[in-house]
C-alpha atoms as a PDB file:
ATOM      1  CA  MET A   1      77.350  61.239  -8.622  1.00  0.00           C
ATOM      2  CA  SER A   2      78.735  61.239 -12.407  1.00  0.00           C
ATOM      3  CA  LEU A   3      76.570  60.849 -15.300  1.00  0.00           C
ATOM      4  CA  PHE A   4      78.834  57.771 -16.512  1.00  0.00           C
ATOM      5  CA  ASP A   5      77.378  54.571 -16.625  1.00  0.00           C
ATOM      6  CA  GLY A   6      78.113  52.880 -13.758  1.00  0.00           C
ATOM      7  CA  GLU A   7      78.646  49.021 -12.557  1.00  0.00           C
ATOM      8  CA  TYR A   8      78.648  47.511  -9.086  1.00  0.00           C
ATOM      9  CA  ASP A   9      81.844  46.075  -7.632  1.00  0.00           C
ATOM     10  CA  SER A  10      81.812  42.938  -5.193  1.00  0.00           C
ATOM     11  CA  ASN A  11      80.863  44.557  -2.209  1.00  0.00           C
ATOM     12  CA  ASN A  12      77.468  45.933  -4.268  1.00  0.00           C
ATOM     13  CA  ARG A  13      78.832  49.615  -4.243  1.00  0.00           C
ATOM     14  CA  LEU A  14      78.220  51.283  -7.474  1.00  0.00           C
ATOM     15  CA  THR A  15      81.821  52.599  -9.169  1.00  0.00           C
ATOM     16  CA  ILE A  16      82.182  54.704 -12.267  1.00  0.00           C
ATOM     17  CA  ILE A  17      83.643  52.983 -14.850  1.00  0.00           C
ATOM     18  CA  GLU A  18      83.626  52.595 -18.653  1.00  0.00           C
ATOM     19  CA  ILE A  19      81.357  53.724 -20.574  1.00  0.00           C
ATOM     20  CA  LYS A  20      79.622  50.987 -22.545  1.00  0.00           C
ATOM     21  CA  PRO A  21      77.711  52.233 -25.682  1.00  0.00           C
ATOM     22  CA  TRP A  22      77.555  48.417 -27.177  1.00  0.00           C
ATOM     23  CA  THR A  23      76.134  46.740 -24.724  1.00  0.00           C
ATOM     24  CA  ARG A  24      73.283  49.402 -24.536  1.00  0.00           C
ATOM     25  CA  PHE A  25      72.818  48.615 -28.575  1.00  0.00           C
ATOM     26  CA  TRP A  26      72.469  45.077 -28.560  1.00  0.00           C
ATOM     27  CA  ALA A  27      70.395  45.113 -24.928  1.00  0.00           C
ATOM     28  CA  ARG A  28      67.543  47.717 -26.941  1.00  0.00           C
ATOM     29  CA  THR A  29      68.895  45.336 -30.003  1.00  0.00           C
ATOM     30  CA  VAL A  30      67.059  42.176 -28.046  1.00  0.00           C
ATOM     31  CA  ASP A  31      64.304  44.380 -27.219  1.00  0.00           C
ATOM     32  CA  ILE A  32      63.453  45.802 -30.843  1.00  0.00           C
ATOM     33  CA  TYR A  33      63.308  42.142 -32.028  1.00  0.00           C
ATOM     34  CA  ILE A  34      61.097  40.964 -29.043  1.00  0.00           C
ATOM     35  CA  VAL A  35      58.580  43.429 -29.976  1.00  0.00           C
ATOM     36  CA  SER A  36      59.504  42.503 -34.164  1.00  0.00           C
ATOM     37  CA  THR A  37      58.562  38.924 -33.238  1.00  0.00           C
ATOM     38  CA  ILE A  38      55.569  39.732 -31.434  1.00  0.00           C
ATOM     39  CA  ILE A  39      54.155  41.596 -34.512  1.00  0.00           C
ATOM     40  CA  ASN A  40      55.392  39.491 -36.737  1.00  0.00           C
ATOM     41  CA  ALA A  41      53.743  36.461 -35.166  1.00  0.00           C
ATOM     42  CA  MET A  42      49.981  38.676 -34.527  1.00  0.00           C
ATOM     43  CA  GLN A  43      50.605  39.503 -38.483  1.00  0.00           C
ATOM     44  CA  LEU A  44      50.272  35.866 -39.110  1.00  0.00           C
ATOM     45  CA  ILE A  45      48.097  35.357 -36.929  1.00  0.00           C
ATOM     46  CA  PHE A  46      45.443  37.915 -37.463  1.00  0.00           C
ATOM     47  CA  PHE A  47      46.494  39.370 -40.988  1.00  0.00           C
ATOM     48  CA  GLN A  48      47.992  36.550 -43.489  1.00  0.00           C
ATOM     49  CA  GLY A  49      49.318  37.172 -46.462  1.00  0.00           C
ATOM     50  CA  THR A  50      48.559  41.097 -45.568  1.00  0.00           C
ATOM     51  CA  LEU A  51      51.620  43.141 -46.461  1.00  0.00           C
ATOM     52  CA  PHE A  52      51.855  46.513 -44.368  1.00  0.00           C
ATOM     53  CA  ASP A  53      53.215  50.482 -44.601  1.00  0.00           C
ATOM     54  CA  SER A  54      57.054  49.108 -43.461  1.00  0.00           C
ATOM     55  CA  MET A  55      57.631  53.066 -42.166  1.00  0.00           C
ATOM     56  CA  LEU A  56      54.275  52.898 -40.080  1.00  0.00           C
ATOM     57  CA  LEU A  57      54.642  49.647 -39.161  1.00  0.00           C
ATOM     58  CA  SER A  58      58.313  50.849 -37.643  1.00  0.00           C
ATOM     59  CA  LEU A  59      56.947  53.296 -36.009  1.00  0.00           C
ATOM     60  CA  GLY A  60      54.028  52.406 -34.604  1.00  0.00           C
ATOM     61  CA  SER A  61      55.353  49.389 -33.106  1.00  0.00           C
ATOM     62  CA  SER A  62      58.280  51.332 -31.639  1.00  0.00           C
ATOM     63  CA  PHE A  63      55.781  53.581 -29.747  1.00  0.00           C
ATOM     64  CA  ILE A  64      54.222  51.019 -27.900  1.00  0.00           C
ATOM     65  CA  TRP A  65      57.867  49.292 -27.242  1.00  0.00           C
ATOM     66  CA  ALA A  66      58.436  53.068 -25.550  1.00  0.00           C
ATOM     67  CA  LEU A  67      55.593  53.053 -23.282  1.00  0.00           C
ATOM     68  CA  ALA A  68      56.139  49.360 -22.657  1.00  0.00           C
ATOM     69  CA  GLU A  69      59.656  49.702 -21.716  1.00  0.00           C
ATOM     70  CA  ALA A  70      58.584  52.929 -19.356  1.00  0.00           C
ATOM     71  CA  HIS A  71      56.331  50.203 -17.445  1.00  0.00           C
ATOM     72  CA  LEU A  72      58.922  47.661 -17.279  1.00  0.00           C
ATOM     73  CA  ILE A  73      61.248  50.166 -16.286  1.00  0.00           C
ATOM     74  CA  TYR A  74      59.130  51.708 -13.783  1.00  0.00           C
ATOM     75  CA  THR A  75      58.291  48.341 -12.050  1.00  0.00           C
ATOM     76  CA  TRP A  76      61.722  45.943 -12.676  1.00  0.00           C
ATOM     77  CA  GLY A  77      64.651  48.527 -13.407  1.00  0.00           C
ATOM     78  CA  THR A  78      65.326  47.166 -16.493  1.00  0.00           C
ATOM     79  CA  THR A  79      63.253  45.330 -19.777  1.00  0.00           C
ATOM     80  CA  PRO A  80      64.283  41.537 -21.575  1.00  0.00           C
ATOM     81  CA  GLY A  81      66.912  42.856 -23.601  1.00  0.00           C
ATOM     82  CA  LYS A  82      68.449  44.731 -20.488  1.00  0.00           C
ATOM     83  CA  TRP A  83      68.310  41.877 -18.018  1.00  0.00           C
ATOM     84  CA  LEU A  84      69.625  39.466 -20.213  1.00  0.00           C
ATOM     85  CA  PHE A  85      72.815  41.832 -21.028  1.00  0.00           C
ATOM     86  CA  ASN A  86      72.888  42.370 -16.691  1.00  0.00           C
ATOM     87  CA  THR A  87      72.039  46.397 -16.930  1.00  0.00           C
ATOM     88  CA  GLU A  88      69.733  48.238 -15.127  1.00  0.00           C
ATOM     89  CA  VAL A  89      68.413  51.841 -15.011  1.00  0.00           C
ATOM     90  CA  LYS A  90      68.403  53.843 -12.057  1.00  0.00           C
ATOM     91  CA  THR A  91      68.010  56.969 -11.151  1.00  0.00           C
ATOM     92  CA  TYR A  92      70.593  58.986  -9.140  1.00  0.00           C
ATOM     93  CA  ASN A  93      69.925  57.807  -5.842  1.00  0.00           C
ATOM     94  CA  LEU A  94      69.976  54.175  -7.105  1.00  0.00           C
ATOM     95  CA  LYS A  95      66.562  53.495  -7.065  1.00  0.00           C
ATOM     96  CA  LYS A  96      64.276  52.668  -9.727  1.00  0.00           C
ATOM     97  CA  PRO A  97      62.816  55.807 -12.029  1.00  0.00           C
ATOM     98  CA  ASP A  98      58.659  56.878 -10.930  1.00  0.00           C
ATOM     99  CA  LEU A  99      56.498  56.147 -13.858  1.00  0.00           C
ATOM    100  CA  PHE A 100      57.202  59.954 -15.210  1.00  0.00           C
ATOM    101  CA  ALA A 101      60.619  59.393 -15.229  1.00  0.00           C
ATOM    102  CA  SER A 102      60.946  56.043 -16.693  1.00  0.00           C
ATOM    103  CA  ILE A 103      57.787  57.649 -19.576  1.00  0.00           C
ATOM    104  CA  LYS A 104      59.770  60.598 -20.042  1.00  0.00           C
ATOM    105  CA  ARG A 105      63.089  58.494 -20.963  1.00  0.00           C
ATOM    106  CA  SER A 106      61.615  56.217 -22.916  1.00  0.00           C
ATOM    107  CA  ILE A 107      59.713  58.916 -25.075  1.00  0.00           C
ATOM    108  CA  LEU A 108      63.384  60.323 -25.206  1.00  0.00           C
ATOM    109  CA  VAL A 109      64.584  57.407 -26.103  1.00  0.00           C
ATOM    110  CA  TRP A 110      62.029  56.552 -29.221  1.00  0.00           C
ATOM    111  CA  ALA A 111      62.551  59.928 -30.771  1.00  0.00           C
ATOM    112  CA  LEU A 112      66.350  60.520 -29.832  1.00  0.00           C
ATOM    113  CA  GLY A 113      67.807  56.667 -29.762  1.00  0.00           C
ATOM    114  CA  THR A 114      66.199  55.117 -32.074  1.00  0.00           C
ATOM    115  CA  GLY A 115      64.584  57.696 -34.200  1.00  0.00           C
ATOM    116  CA  MET A 116      61.014  56.454 -33.653  1.00  0.00           C
ATOM    117  CA  GLY A 117      62.147  53.653 -35.809  1.00  0.00           C
ATOM    118  CA  ILE A 118      62.271  55.451 -38.785  1.00  0.00           C
ATOM    119  CA  PHE A 119      65.744  57.323 -38.136  1.00  0.00           C
ATOM    120  CA  SER A 120      67.358  54.751 -36.188  1.00  0.00           C
ATOM    121  CA  SER A 121      70.857  54.469 -37.958  1.00  0.00           C
ATOM    122  CA  ILE A 122      70.964  58.629 -37.578  1.00  0.00           C
ATOM    123  CA  THR A 123      70.308  58.604 -34.104  1.00  0.00           C
ATOM    124  CA  TYR A 124      72.295  55.768 -33.527  1.00  0.00           C
ATOM    125  CA  LEU A 125      75.117  57.143 -34.488  1.00  0.00           C
ATOM    126  CA  ILE A 126      74.353  60.581 -33.092  1.00  0.00           C
ATOM    127  CA  SER A 127      73.596  59.087 -29.468  1.00  0.00           C
ATOM    128  CA  TYR A 128      76.525  56.904 -29.938  1.00  0.00           C
ATOM    129  CA  PHE A 129      79.170  59.902 -30.297  1.00  0.00           C
ATOM    130  CA  ILE A 130      77.617  61.390 -27.623  1.00  0.00           C
ATOM    131  CA  LEU A 131      78.099  58.871 -24.920  1.00  0.00           C
ATOM    132  CA  THR A 132      81.387  58.150 -26.390  1.00  0.00           C
ATOM    133  CA  ARG A 133      82.515  61.739 -25.978  1.00  0.00           C
ATOM    134  CA  ARG A 134      80.441  62.786 -23.378  1.00  0.00           C
ATOM    135  CA  GLY A 135      80.016  60.467 -20.583  1.00  0.00           C
ATOM    136  CA  TYR A 136      75.750  60.242 -21.193  1.00  0.00           C
ATOM    137  CA  THR A 137      72.778  60.065 -22.973  1.00  0.00           C
ATOM    138  CA  ILE A 138      70.568  62.987 -23.423  1.00  0.00           C
ATOM    139  CA  TRP A 139      67.425  60.812 -22.162  1.00  0.00           C
ATOM    140  CA  ASP A 140      69.279  59.584 -19.130  1.00  0.00           C
ATOM    141  CA  ARG A 141      70.703  63.655 -18.511  1.00  0.00           C
ATOM    142  CA  TYR A 142      67.074  65.034 -18.334  1.00  0.00           C
ATOM    143  CA  THR A 143      65.630  62.061 -16.221  1.00  0.00           C
ATOM    144  CA  GLU A 144      68.910  62.057 -14.276  1.00  0.00           C
ATOM    145  CA  CYS A 145      69.208  58.064 -14.475  1.00  0.00           C
ATOM    146  CA  VAL A 146      72.151  56.149 -14.539  1.00  0.00           C
ATOM    147  CA  VAL A 147      72.626  52.566 -16.432  1.00  0.00           C
ATOM    148  CA  ILE A 148      73.895  50.240 -14.338  1.00  0.00           C
ATOM    149  CA  HIS A 149      76.043  47.393 -16.237  1.00  0.00           C
ATOM    150  CA  LYS A 150      76.937  44.514 -13.833  1.00  0.00           C
ATOM    151  CA  LYS A 151      79.447  41.949 -14.888  1.00  0.00           C
ATOM    152  CA  MET A 152      78.122  39.028 -17.118  1.00  0.00           C
ATOM    153  CA  SER A 153      78.966  35.638 -17.013  1.00  0.00           C
ATOM    154  CA  GLU A 154      80.568  33.456 -20.474  1.00  0.00           C
ATOM    155  CA  ASN A 155      77.434  31.589 -19.791  1.00  0.00           C
ATOM    156  CA  ARG A 156      74.939  34.717 -19.917  1.00  0.00           C
ATOM    157  CA  VAL A 157      77.466  35.706 -22.768  1.00  0.00           C
ATOM    158  CA  LEU A 158      76.294  32.628 -24.854  1.00  0.00           C
ATOM    159  CA  ALA A 159      73.097  32.951 -24.098  1.00  0.00           C
ATOM    160  CA  ALA A 160      72.746  36.530 -25.458  1.00  0.00           C
ATOM    161  CA  VAL A 161      74.599  35.511 -28.793  1.00  0.00           C
ATOM    162  CA  PHE A 162      71.858  32.573 -29.059  1.00  0.00           C
ATOM    163  CA  VAL A 163      68.647  34.913 -28.082  1.00  0.00           C
ATOM    164  CA  ILE A 164      69.950  37.071 -30.652  1.00  0.00           C
ATOM    165  CA  VAL A 165      70.225  34.695 -33.045  1.00  0.00           C
ATOM    166  CA  GLY A 166      67.365  33.018 -32.350  1.00  0.00           C
ATOM    167  CA  LEU A 167      65.218  35.702 -32.938  1.00  0.00           C
ATOM    168  CA  ILE A 168      66.476  37.006 -36.191  1.00  0.00           C
ATOM    169  CA  ILE A 169      66.282  33.401 -37.528  1.00  0.00           C
ATOM    170  CA  VAL A 170      62.239  33.421 -36.284  1.00  0.00           C
ATOM    171  CA  ASN A 171      61.556  37.106 -37.512  1.00  0.00           C
ATOM    172  CA  LEU A 172      63.048  36.002 -41.163  1.00  0.00           C
ATOM    173  CA  ALA A 173      60.955  32.891 -41.199  1.00  0.00           C
ATOM    174  CA  PHE A 174      57.922  34.671 -39.758  1.00  0.00           C
ATOM    175  CA  GLY A 175      58.812  37.441 -43.154  1.00  0.00           C
ATOM    176  CA  PHE A 176      59.259  34.479 -44.810  1.00  0.00           C
ATOM    177  CA  ILE A 177      55.831  32.459 -44.027  1.00  0.00           C
ATOM    178  CA  ASN A 178      53.881  35.473 -44.445  1.00  0.00           C
ATOM    179  CA  ALA A 179      55.347  35.859 -47.695  1.00  0.00           C
ATOM    180  CA  ILE A 180      54.114  32.944 -49.182  1.00  0.00           C
ATOM    181  CA  PHE A 181      50.856  33.544 -47.942  1.00  0.00           C
ATOM    182  CA  TYR A 182      50.868  37.124 -49.694  1.00  0.00           C
ATOM    183  CA  LEU A 183      51.966  35.264 -53.052  1.00  0.00           C
ATOM    184  CA  LYS A 184      49.358  32.640 -52.998  1.00  0.00           C
ATOM    185  CA  ASP A 185      46.844  35.261 -52.650  1.00  0.00           C
ATOM    186  CA  ALA A 186      48.091  37.208 -55.229  1.00  0.00           C
ATOM    187  CA  GLY A 187      48.253  34.031 -57.500  1.00  0.00           C
ATOM    188  CA  MET A 188      51.638  33.834 -57.995  1.00  0.00           C
ATOM    189  CA  ILE A 189      51.953  30.610 -56.661  1.00  0.00           C
ATOM    190  CA  GLN A 190      50.027  27.716 -56.144  1.00  0.00           C
END
């Protein structure tokens, strides 16, 4: 079994094809925006008008997501973002990863793939070049996993675009509303 990303053919057989770093990126982006939306909503409910240290918030929320992602991959073989992009994570024998492999993979993604939510620009670039040059990511190689991309219908592509735009708008709205509460509490606006 190769370490390349795979895709199922019409007979439900795994074939090794081109790698899809952008599908992986957008699936992870959806997952991160979902977590961000939940955290921003909780901030508005429980800590209205409070500004948090963005670096600590990013570090903490991305670590919490890594644990949630591990559980989702262990139980379903996918995450909401991966599901939207018709992508699954499997072991070399095409089964869902066990809990240990899922946790190991998610922690490696958190540290080396998303840079713990702090150094993501750098780690995304490094991971992109490793994936496109070698055909695998570090976390998939060390956990003996493959990422399987099923064909996306036009409706699914359209849904993915709407979900991404919607999540961005909701996150911006939550940030704007919280900023208004902050400025009100500081006495800068009435």
